N, C-alpha and C. Protein backbone atom coordinates (compact mmCIF):
# COMPACT_ATOMS: atom_id res chain seq x y z
N MET A 1 -70.93 35.05 -5.62
CA MET A 1 -70.07 34.38 -6.56
C MET A 1 -69.23 35.40 -7.31
N ALA A 2 -68.04 34.99 -7.62
CA ALA A 2 -67.16 35.86 -8.38
C ALA A 2 -66.86 35.20 -9.71
N GLU A 3 -66.87 35.98 -10.76
CA GLU A 3 -66.64 35.43 -12.08
C GLU A 3 -65.37 36.06 -12.65
N LYS A 4 -64.38 35.21 -13.01
CA LYS A 4 -63.12 35.73 -13.54
C LYS A 4 -63.28 36.11 -15.01
N SER A 5 -63.72 35.16 -15.79
CA SER A 5 -64.01 35.43 -17.20
C SER A 5 -65.03 34.41 -17.65
N SER A 6 -65.50 34.55 -18.87
CA SER A 6 -66.55 33.65 -19.33
C SER A 6 -66.08 32.21 -19.44
N GLY A 7 -64.78 31.99 -19.62
CA GLY A 7 -64.25 30.63 -19.76
C GLY A 7 -63.88 29.99 -18.43
N ASP A 8 -63.70 30.78 -17.37
CA ASP A 8 -63.28 30.24 -16.07
C ASP A 8 -64.47 29.68 -15.30
N LYS A 9 -64.15 28.80 -14.37
CA LYS A 9 -65.20 28.24 -13.51
C LYS A 9 -65.62 29.27 -12.48
N HIS A 10 -66.84 29.12 -11.99
CA HIS A 10 -67.34 30.00 -10.94
C HIS A 10 -66.75 29.57 -9.61
N GLU A 11 -66.37 30.52 -8.80
CA GLU A 11 -65.88 30.25 -7.47
C GLU A 11 -66.85 30.86 -6.48
N SER A 12 -67.10 30.15 -5.40
CA SER A 12 -68.00 30.72 -4.40
C SER A 12 -67.20 31.04 -3.15
N TYR A 13 -67.51 32.14 -2.56
CA TYR A 13 -66.84 32.59 -1.35
C TYR A 13 -67.89 32.67 -0.25
N SER A 14 -67.55 32.13 0.91
CA SER A 14 -68.49 32.25 2.03
C SER A 14 -67.73 32.61 3.29
N LEU A 15 -68.38 33.34 4.13
CA LEU A 15 -67.78 33.69 5.41
C LEU A 15 -67.78 32.46 6.30
N PRO A 16 -66.83 32.36 7.25
CA PRO A 16 -66.79 31.19 8.12
C PRO A 16 -68.08 30.99 8.90
N VAL A 17 -68.67 32.06 9.41
CA VAL A 17 -69.91 31.95 10.18
C VAL A 17 -70.86 33.02 9.67
N THR A 18 -72.02 32.57 9.18
CA THR A 18 -73.05 33.51 8.77
C THR A 18 -74.14 33.43 9.83
N VAL A 19 -74.27 34.51 10.59
CA VAL A 19 -75.20 34.54 11.71
C VAL A 19 -76.33 35.51 11.38
N SER A 20 -77.57 35.04 11.59
CA SER A 20 -78.71 35.91 11.34
C SER A 20 -78.83 36.94 12.46
N GLY A 21 -79.76 37.84 12.33
CA GLY A 21 -79.97 38.88 13.34
C GLY A 21 -80.35 38.30 14.69
N SER A 22 -81.01 37.14 14.69
CA SER A 22 -81.41 36.51 15.96
C SER A 22 -80.27 35.70 16.58
N GLY A 23 -79.15 35.60 15.88
CA GLY A 23 -78.00 34.87 16.41
C GLY A 23 -77.94 33.43 15.97
N SER A 24 -78.83 33.00 15.09
CA SER A 24 -78.81 31.60 14.67
C SER A 24 -77.98 31.42 13.41
N ALA A 25 -77.31 30.29 13.36
CA ALA A 25 -76.51 29.92 12.19
C ALA A 25 -76.94 28.53 11.76
N ASN A 26 -77.07 28.32 10.47
CA ASN A 26 -77.51 27.03 9.94
C ASN A 26 -76.34 26.33 9.26
N PHE A 27 -76.25 25.01 9.48
CA PHE A 27 -75.19 24.21 8.90
C PHE A 27 -75.78 22.91 8.38
N LYS A 28 -75.15 22.35 7.35
CA LYS A 28 -75.57 21.06 6.82
C LYS A 28 -74.36 20.13 6.91
N ILE A 29 -74.49 19.10 7.74
CA ILE A 29 -73.42 18.14 7.97
C ILE A 29 -73.94 16.75 7.61
N LYS A 30 -73.27 16.10 6.68
CA LYS A 30 -73.64 14.73 6.28
C LYS A 30 -75.12 14.61 5.95
N GLY A 31 -75.67 15.60 5.26
CA GLY A 31 -77.06 15.56 4.83
C GLY A 31 -78.07 15.96 5.90
N GLU A 32 -77.61 16.30 7.09
CA GLU A 32 -78.52 16.70 8.16
C GLU A 32 -78.37 18.19 8.43
N GLU A 33 -79.50 18.86 8.66
CA GLU A 33 -79.49 20.29 8.95
C GLU A 33 -79.35 20.51 10.45
N TYR A 34 -78.50 21.44 10.83
CA TYR A 34 -78.32 21.81 12.23
C TYR A 34 -78.44 23.32 12.35
N GLN A 35 -79.06 23.77 13.42
CA GLN A 35 -79.15 25.20 13.70
C GLN A 35 -78.60 25.42 15.10
N VAL A 36 -77.66 26.34 15.21
CA VAL A 36 -77.11 26.69 16.51
C VAL A 36 -77.27 28.19 16.72
N THR A 37 -77.39 28.57 17.97
CA THR A 37 -77.53 29.98 18.31
C THR A 37 -76.20 30.48 18.86
N VAL A 38 -75.66 31.47 18.18
CA VAL A 38 -74.38 32.05 18.56
C VAL A 38 -74.65 33.42 19.17
N ILE A 39 -74.15 33.63 20.37
CA ILE A 39 -74.33 34.91 21.05
C ILE A 39 -73.02 35.68 20.99
N ARG A 40 -73.11 36.84 20.39
CA ARG A 40 -71.90 37.67 20.28
C ARG A 40 -71.58 38.28 21.63
N PRO A 41 -70.30 38.29 21.99
CA PRO A 41 -69.91 38.88 23.27
C PRO A 41 -70.18 40.38 23.31
N SER A 42 -70.39 40.88 24.49
CA SER A 42 -70.59 42.31 24.69
C SER A 42 -69.30 43.07 24.34
N PRO A 43 -69.42 44.28 23.83
CA PRO A 43 -68.23 45.07 23.51
C PRO A 43 -67.37 45.38 24.74
N SER A 44 -67.97 45.31 25.93
CA SER A 44 -67.21 45.64 27.14
C SER A 44 -66.41 44.46 27.69
N VAL A 45 -66.49 43.30 27.07
CA VAL A 45 -65.76 42.13 27.54
C VAL A 45 -64.27 42.32 27.28
N SER A 46 -63.45 41.97 28.27
CA SER A 46 -62.00 42.15 28.15
C SER A 46 -61.38 41.07 27.28
N VAL A 47 -60.17 41.34 26.82
CA VAL A 47 -59.43 40.38 26.00
C VAL A 47 -59.21 39.09 26.78
N HIS A 48 -58.89 39.22 28.08
CA HIS A 48 -58.65 38.05 28.92
C HIS A 48 -59.89 37.15 28.98
N GLU A 49 -61.06 37.76 29.13
CA GLU A 49 -62.31 36.99 29.18
C GLU A 49 -62.60 36.32 27.83
N LEU A 50 -62.30 37.02 26.75
CA LEU A 50 -62.49 36.44 25.42
C LEU A 50 -61.55 35.25 25.21
N GLN A 51 -60.31 35.38 25.69
CA GLN A 51 -59.36 34.27 25.57
C GLN A 51 -59.79 33.06 26.40
N GLN A 52 -60.34 33.32 27.59
CA GLN A 52 -60.86 32.22 28.40
C GLN A 52 -62.03 31.53 27.68
N SER A 53 -62.88 32.32 27.08
CA SER A 53 -64.01 31.76 26.33
C SER A 53 -63.51 30.95 25.13
N LEU A 54 -62.47 31.43 24.48
CA LEU A 54 -61.89 30.71 23.34
C LEU A 54 -61.38 29.34 23.80
N GLU A 55 -60.67 29.31 24.91
CA GLU A 55 -60.15 28.04 25.43
C GLU A 55 -61.27 27.09 25.85
N SER A 56 -62.32 27.62 26.48
CA SER A 56 -63.43 26.74 26.89
C SER A 56 -64.17 26.20 25.67
N ASN A 57 -64.26 26.98 24.60
CA ASN A 57 -64.89 26.48 23.38
C ASN A 57 -64.02 25.43 22.70
N ARG A 58 -62.72 25.59 22.76
CA ARG A 58 -61.82 24.56 22.21
C ARG A 58 -61.95 23.26 23.01
N GLU A 59 -62.10 23.39 24.33
CA GLU A 59 -62.29 22.21 25.17
C GLU A 59 -63.63 21.53 24.84
N MET A 60 -64.68 22.32 24.63
CA MET A 60 -65.97 21.77 24.27
C MET A 60 -65.90 21.04 22.93
N LEU A 61 -65.12 21.57 22.00
CA LEU A 61 -64.94 20.94 20.70
C LEU A 61 -64.25 19.58 20.87
N LYS A 62 -63.23 19.50 21.74
CA LYS A 62 -62.54 18.23 21.99
C LYS A 62 -63.49 17.22 22.65
N GLN A 63 -64.27 17.68 23.62
CA GLN A 63 -65.22 16.78 24.29
C GLN A 63 -66.29 16.28 23.32
N SER A 64 -66.72 17.14 22.43
CA SER A 64 -67.71 16.73 21.43
C SER A 64 -67.14 15.67 20.50
N ALA A 65 -65.87 15.84 20.11
CA ALA A 65 -65.22 14.85 19.25
C ALA A 65 -65.13 13.51 19.96
N LYS A 66 -64.83 13.51 21.26
CA LYS A 66 -64.78 12.26 22.03
C LYS A 66 -66.16 11.65 22.16
N ALA A 67 -67.17 12.48 22.34
CA ALA A 67 -68.55 11.98 22.47
C ALA A 67 -69.02 11.32 21.18
N MET A 68 -68.49 11.73 20.05
CA MET A 68 -68.87 11.12 18.78
C MET A 68 -68.34 9.70 18.66
N GLU A 69 -67.32 9.35 19.44
CA GLU A 69 -66.71 8.03 19.36
C GLU A 69 -67.39 7.00 20.25
N ILE A 70 -68.37 7.43 21.03
CA ILE A 70 -69.01 6.52 21.97
C ILE A 70 -70.05 5.69 21.25
N LEU A 71 -70.00 4.39 21.47
CA LEU A 71 -71.03 3.52 20.94
C LEU A 71 -71.39 2.49 21.99
N LYS A 72 -72.61 2.01 21.93
CA LYS A 72 -73.03 0.97 22.86
C LYS A 72 -72.38 -0.33 22.44
N PRO A 73 -72.17 -1.25 23.38
CA PRO A 73 -71.52 -2.51 23.02
C PRO A 73 -72.26 -3.22 21.90
N CYS A 74 -71.49 -3.65 20.93
CA CYS A 74 -71.97 -4.48 19.82
C CYS A 74 -72.93 -3.78 18.88
N LYS A 75 -72.92 -2.47 18.82
CA LYS A 75 -73.69 -1.76 17.80
C LYS A 75 -72.75 -1.53 16.63
N LYS A 76 -73.28 -1.46 15.45
CA LYS A 76 -72.47 -1.30 14.25
C LYS A 76 -72.31 0.16 13.84
N LYS A 77 -72.69 1.08 14.69
CA LYS A 77 -72.59 2.49 14.32
C LYS A 77 -72.42 3.34 15.57
N VAL A 78 -72.05 4.58 15.34
CA VAL A 78 -71.99 5.54 16.44
C VAL A 78 -73.42 5.80 16.87
N ASP A 79 -73.67 5.87 18.17
CA ASP A 79 -75.03 5.89 18.67
C ASP A 79 -75.81 7.14 18.28
N ASP A 80 -75.54 8.26 18.89
CA ASP A 80 -76.31 9.47 18.63
C ASP A 80 -75.35 10.59 18.35
N LEU A 81 -75.32 11.01 17.10
CA LEU A 81 -74.39 12.07 16.72
C LEU A 81 -75.01 13.45 16.74
N GLY A 82 -76.32 13.54 16.94
CA GLY A 82 -76.99 14.84 16.90
C GLY A 82 -76.45 15.81 17.94
N SER A 83 -76.42 15.38 19.17
CA SER A 83 -75.99 16.27 20.25
C SER A 83 -74.51 16.63 20.17
N PRO A 84 -73.60 15.65 20.04
CA PRO A 84 -72.19 16.05 19.93
C PRO A 84 -71.89 16.88 18.69
N THR A 85 -72.59 16.61 17.60
CA THR A 85 -72.36 17.40 16.39
C THR A 85 -72.81 18.83 16.61
N ARG A 86 -73.96 18.99 17.23
CA ARG A 86 -74.49 20.34 17.50
C ARG A 86 -73.55 21.10 18.44
N ASN A 87 -73.07 20.41 19.49
CA ASN A 87 -72.12 21.05 20.42
C ASN A 87 -70.84 21.44 19.71
N ALA A 88 -70.35 20.57 18.84
CA ALA A 88 -69.12 20.87 18.09
C ALA A 88 -69.34 22.06 17.16
N LEU A 89 -70.50 22.11 16.50
CA LEU A 89 -70.80 23.26 15.63
C LEU A 89 -70.85 24.56 16.41
N LEU A 90 -71.48 24.52 17.59
CA LEU A 90 -71.56 25.72 18.43
C LEU A 90 -70.17 26.17 18.86
N ALA A 91 -69.35 25.23 19.30
CA ALA A 91 -67.99 25.57 19.73
C ALA A 91 -67.20 26.17 18.58
N ARG A 92 -67.29 25.56 17.39
CA ARG A 92 -66.54 26.07 16.24
C ARG A 92 -67.04 27.44 15.81
N ALA A 93 -68.36 27.65 15.84
CA ALA A 93 -68.91 28.96 15.47
C ALA A 93 -68.41 30.02 16.45
N ASN A 94 -68.38 29.68 17.73
CA ASN A 94 -67.87 30.62 18.73
C ASN A 94 -66.39 30.91 18.52
N ILE A 95 -65.62 29.88 18.20
CA ILE A 95 -64.19 30.07 17.94
C ILE A 95 -64.00 31.01 16.76
N ASP A 96 -64.79 30.81 15.70
CA ASP A 96 -64.67 31.67 14.52
C ASP A 96 -65.04 33.13 14.82
N LEU A 97 -65.89 33.36 15.82
CA LEU A 97 -66.22 34.73 16.21
C LEU A 97 -65.18 35.30 17.18
N LEU A 98 -64.67 34.45 18.07
CA LEU A 98 -63.77 34.94 19.12
C LEU A 98 -62.37 35.31 18.63
N VAL A 99 -61.80 34.52 17.73
CA VAL A 99 -60.43 34.79 17.27
C VAL A 99 -60.30 36.19 16.69
N PRO A 100 -61.17 36.61 15.75
CA PRO A 100 -61.03 37.98 15.24
C PRO A 100 -61.30 39.05 16.31
N LEU A 101 -62.26 38.79 17.22
CA LEU A 101 -62.54 39.77 18.28
C LEU A 101 -61.33 39.97 19.19
N ILE A 102 -60.69 38.89 19.55
CA ILE A 102 -59.50 38.99 20.41
C ILE A 102 -58.42 39.79 19.70
N ASN A 103 -58.21 39.53 18.43
CA ASN A 103 -57.19 40.26 17.68
C ASN A 103 -57.55 41.72 17.50
N MET A 104 -58.86 42.01 17.32
CA MET A 104 -59.29 43.41 17.16
C MET A 104 -59.07 44.20 18.44
N LYS A 105 -59.18 43.51 19.60
CA LYS A 105 -59.02 44.20 20.88
C LYS A 105 -57.58 44.24 21.34
N GLY A 106 -56.65 43.82 20.49
CA GLY A 106 -55.23 43.91 20.82
C GLY A 106 -54.64 42.64 21.40
N GLY A 107 -55.43 41.57 21.47
CA GLY A 107 -54.92 40.29 21.96
C GLY A 107 -54.25 39.53 20.84
N ASP A 108 -53.81 38.31 21.15
CA ASP A 108 -53.16 37.48 20.16
C ASP A 108 -53.84 36.12 20.15
N ALA A 109 -54.61 35.86 19.12
CA ALA A 109 -55.30 34.58 18.99
C ALA A 109 -55.12 34.08 17.56
N ARG A 110 -54.97 32.78 17.43
CA ARG A 110 -54.80 32.15 16.13
C ARG A 110 -55.73 30.95 16.02
N PHE A 111 -56.09 30.63 14.79
CA PHE A 111 -56.82 29.39 14.55
C PHE A 111 -55.81 28.26 14.65
N GLU A 112 -56.18 27.19 15.34
CA GLU A 112 -55.27 26.07 15.56
C GLU A 112 -55.73 24.85 14.79
N GLY A 113 -54.81 24.19 14.13
CA GLY A 113 -55.09 22.93 13.46
C GLY A 113 -56.22 23.02 12.45
N LYS A 114 -57.21 22.16 12.64
CA LYS A 114 -58.33 22.07 11.70
C LYS A 114 -59.30 23.24 11.82
N GLU A 115 -59.06 24.14 12.75
CA GLU A 115 -59.92 25.32 12.88
C GLU A 115 -59.80 26.22 11.65
N ALA A 116 -58.76 26.03 10.84
CA ALA A 116 -58.59 26.82 9.63
C ALA A 116 -59.55 26.38 8.53
N LEU A 117 -60.10 25.17 8.67
CA LEU A 117 -61.07 24.68 7.69
C LEU A 117 -62.41 25.37 7.90
N LEU A 118 -63.26 25.32 6.87
CA LEU A 118 -64.63 25.79 7.05
C LEU A 118 -65.30 24.92 8.11
N ILE A 119 -66.26 25.47 8.81
CA ILE A 119 -66.90 24.76 9.92
C ILE A 119 -67.45 23.41 9.47
N GLU A 120 -68.20 23.39 8.38
CA GLU A 120 -68.81 22.14 7.93
C GLU A 120 -67.75 21.09 7.64
N LYS A 121 -66.67 21.47 6.98
CA LYS A 121 -65.59 20.51 6.65
C LYS A 121 -64.92 20.00 7.92
N HIS A 122 -64.71 20.89 8.89
CA HIS A 122 -64.07 20.50 10.14
C HIS A 122 -64.93 19.47 10.88
N ILE A 123 -66.22 19.74 11.02
CA ILE A 123 -67.10 18.84 11.76
C ILE A 123 -67.27 17.52 11.01
N GLU A 124 -67.35 17.56 9.69
CA GLU A 124 -67.42 16.32 8.91
C GLU A 124 -66.17 15.49 9.13
N LYS A 125 -65.01 16.16 9.20
CA LYS A 125 -63.75 15.45 9.47
C LYS A 125 -63.77 14.82 10.86
N LEU A 126 -64.29 15.54 11.86
CA LEU A 126 -64.40 14.98 13.21
C LEU A 126 -65.30 13.74 13.19
N ARG A 127 -66.41 13.82 12.49
CA ARG A 127 -67.33 12.68 12.43
C ARG A 127 -66.71 11.50 11.68
N ASP A 128 -65.97 11.78 10.61
CA ASP A 128 -65.29 10.70 9.88
C ASP A 128 -64.24 10.04 10.75
N ASP A 129 -63.46 10.84 11.48
CA ASP A 129 -62.45 10.29 12.39
C ASP A 129 -63.09 9.43 13.47
N ALA A 130 -64.22 9.89 14.01
CA ALA A 130 -64.94 9.13 15.03
C ALA A 130 -65.43 7.81 14.46
N ALA A 131 -65.95 7.83 13.23
CA ALA A 131 -66.44 6.60 12.61
C ALA A 131 -65.30 5.60 12.40
N LYS A 132 -64.11 6.09 12.04
CA LYS A 132 -62.96 5.19 11.88
C LYS A 132 -62.59 4.54 13.20
N LYS A 133 -62.58 5.32 14.28
CA LYS A 133 -62.26 4.76 15.60
C LYS A 133 -63.31 3.75 16.04
N VAL A 134 -64.57 4.04 15.76
CA VAL A 134 -65.65 3.12 16.11
C VAL A 134 -65.48 1.82 15.34
N ASN A 135 -65.16 1.91 14.05
CA ASN A 135 -64.96 0.70 13.25
C ASN A 135 -63.81 -0.13 13.78
N LYS A 136 -62.73 0.51 14.22
CA LYS A 136 -61.61 -0.23 14.83
C LYS A 136 -62.07 -0.93 16.10
N GLN A 137 -62.87 -0.25 16.89
CA GLN A 137 -63.37 -0.83 18.13
C GLN A 137 -64.28 -2.01 17.83
N ILE A 138 -65.10 -1.91 16.81
CA ILE A 138 -65.98 -3.01 16.42
C ILE A 138 -65.16 -4.22 15.99
N GLU A 139 -64.08 -3.99 15.23
CA GLU A 139 -63.22 -5.09 14.80
C GLU A 139 -62.60 -5.80 16.00
N LYS A 140 -62.21 -5.06 17.03
CA LYS A 140 -61.62 -5.66 18.23
C LYS A 140 -62.66 -6.49 18.99
N GLU A 141 -63.91 -6.08 18.94
CA GLU A 141 -64.96 -6.74 19.72
C GLU A 141 -65.81 -7.68 18.86
N ARG A 142 -65.30 -8.08 17.71
CA ARG A 142 -66.09 -8.86 16.77
C ARG A 142 -66.60 -10.17 17.39
N TRP A 143 -65.73 -10.92 18.10
CA TRP A 143 -66.13 -12.23 18.66
C TRP A 143 -67.25 -12.10 19.68
N PRO A 144 -67.11 -11.30 20.73
CA PRO A 144 -68.24 -11.20 21.66
C PRO A 144 -69.49 -10.62 21.01
N CYS A 145 -69.32 -9.71 20.08
CA CYS A 145 -70.48 -9.11 19.43
C CYS A 145 -71.18 -10.13 18.54
N TYR A 146 -70.44 -11.03 17.94
CA TYR A 146 -71.04 -12.05 17.11
C TYR A 146 -71.97 -12.92 17.95
N TRP A 147 -71.49 -13.33 19.13
CA TRP A 147 -72.32 -14.17 19.99
C TRP A 147 -73.53 -13.40 20.52
N LYS A 148 -73.34 -12.16 20.87
CA LYS A 148 -74.46 -11.36 21.36
C LYS A 148 -75.48 -11.12 20.26
N ALA A 149 -75.00 -10.94 19.03
CA ALA A 149 -75.91 -10.71 17.91
C ALA A 149 -76.78 -11.94 17.66
N LEU A 150 -76.25 -13.11 17.95
CA LEU A 150 -77.03 -14.34 17.79
C LEU A 150 -77.95 -14.59 18.97
N GLY A 151 -77.92 -13.72 19.95
CA GLY A 151 -78.76 -13.88 21.13
C GLY A 151 -78.09 -14.69 22.21
N ASN A 152 -76.82 -14.97 22.03
CA ASN A 152 -76.08 -15.77 23.00
C ASN A 152 -75.18 -14.88 23.83
N ASN A 153 -74.94 -15.32 25.02
CA ASN A 153 -74.02 -14.62 25.90
C ASN A 153 -72.73 -15.43 25.93
N PRO A 154 -71.57 -14.85 25.69
CA PRO A 154 -70.32 -15.61 25.71
C PRO A 154 -70.10 -16.36 27.04
N LEU A 155 -70.58 -15.81 28.13
CA LEU A 155 -70.42 -16.46 29.43
C LEU A 155 -71.18 -17.79 29.46
N ILE A 156 -72.36 -17.82 28.87
CA ILE A 156 -73.15 -19.06 28.81
C ILE A 156 -72.40 -20.10 27.98
N PHE A 157 -71.80 -19.68 26.89
CA PHE A 157 -71.02 -20.59 26.04
C PHE A 157 -69.85 -21.17 26.82
N ILE A 158 -69.14 -20.34 27.55
CA ILE A 158 -67.99 -20.80 28.33
C ILE A 158 -68.45 -21.78 29.41
N MET A 159 -69.54 -21.47 30.08
CA MET A 159 -70.06 -22.38 31.11
C MET A 159 -70.47 -23.71 30.48
N PHE A 160 -71.05 -23.71 29.31
CA PHE A 160 -71.44 -24.92 28.62
C PHE A 160 -70.22 -25.79 28.31
N VAL A 161 -69.15 -25.18 27.84
CA VAL A 161 -67.92 -25.91 27.53
C VAL A 161 -67.32 -26.51 28.81
N VAL A 162 -67.32 -25.77 29.90
CA VAL A 162 -66.77 -26.26 31.17
C VAL A 162 -67.60 -27.46 31.67
N ILE A 163 -68.90 -27.37 31.60
CA ILE A 163 -69.77 -28.46 32.06
C ILE A 163 -69.55 -29.71 31.20
N LEU A 164 -69.46 -29.55 29.88
CA LEU A 164 -69.20 -30.70 29.00
C LEU A 164 -67.85 -31.34 29.32
N THR A 165 -66.85 -30.51 29.60
CA THR A 165 -65.53 -31.03 29.96
C THR A 165 -65.60 -31.83 31.25
N LEU A 166 -66.31 -31.32 32.25
CA LEU A 166 -66.45 -32.04 33.52
C LEU A 166 -67.19 -33.36 33.32
N ILE A 167 -68.21 -33.38 32.50
CA ILE A 167 -68.95 -34.63 32.22
C ILE A 167 -68.03 -35.63 31.53
N PHE A 168 -67.28 -35.16 30.55
CA PHE A 168 -66.35 -36.02 29.83
C PHE A 168 -65.30 -36.61 30.76
N LEU A 169 -64.74 -35.77 31.65
CA LEU A 169 -63.73 -36.25 32.60
C LEU A 169 -64.35 -37.24 33.59
N SER A 170 -65.58 -37.02 33.99
CA SER A 170 -66.27 -37.94 34.91
C SER A 170 -66.47 -39.30 34.25
N ILE A 171 -66.85 -39.31 32.99
CA ILE A 171 -67.04 -40.58 32.27
C ILE A 171 -65.71 -41.32 32.15
N LEU A 172 -64.64 -40.57 31.82
CA LEU A 172 -63.31 -41.19 31.73
C LEU A 172 -62.89 -41.78 33.08
N TYR A 173 -63.20 -41.12 34.16
CA TYR A 173 -62.85 -41.58 35.51
C TYR A 173 -63.64 -42.84 35.84
N LEU A 174 -64.94 -42.84 35.54
CA LEU A 174 -65.78 -44.00 35.82
C LEU A 174 -65.37 -45.24 35.02
N LEU A 175 -64.89 -45.01 33.80
CA LEU A 175 -64.46 -46.12 32.96
C LEU A 175 -63.04 -46.58 33.31
N GLY A 176 -62.37 -45.84 34.18
CA GLY A 176 -61.06 -46.23 34.64
C GLY A 176 -59.90 -45.74 33.78
N PHE A 177 -60.15 -44.83 32.90
CA PHE A 177 -59.07 -44.30 32.07
C PHE A 177 -58.27 -43.21 32.79
N ILE A 178 -58.79 -42.70 33.87
CA ILE A 178 -58.06 -41.66 34.61
C ILE A 178 -57.70 -42.20 35.98
């Protein structure tokens, strides 16, 4: 913590990734603790290999964000966020290590978009965005989900209506109205 003066508020400074000697980093996302193991690249790795690793970690981050949006039909929440969240944390921690390494070795790498945020804030934002998309999907599927929640299958309901219509038309035909 840094203190400006006795009247100013305390400000806290933290590094983007704090990795222990064993390579593990701890994060707290939405009240849940996550631990990921980050492996630092060997000093002999080329800039090109580091850049390839950076791109693959960015791809893993995108895939993790998409995985957070998956829900089973008619559930009111995102199914399992543990695995995609952990993968996203690992990818972000690797990105935070790779960008400075690439620049130190003479390459050119930049943080893109939300990568400039602290890891926890970035992953929380991904989870919030996923929850919004899931809620939109639930709103679109409200009618079939309502019937399934009651233990009914919409197909059974449709068949019931068709059968009643056929019975009604048969009665009208027998009575001579058709």
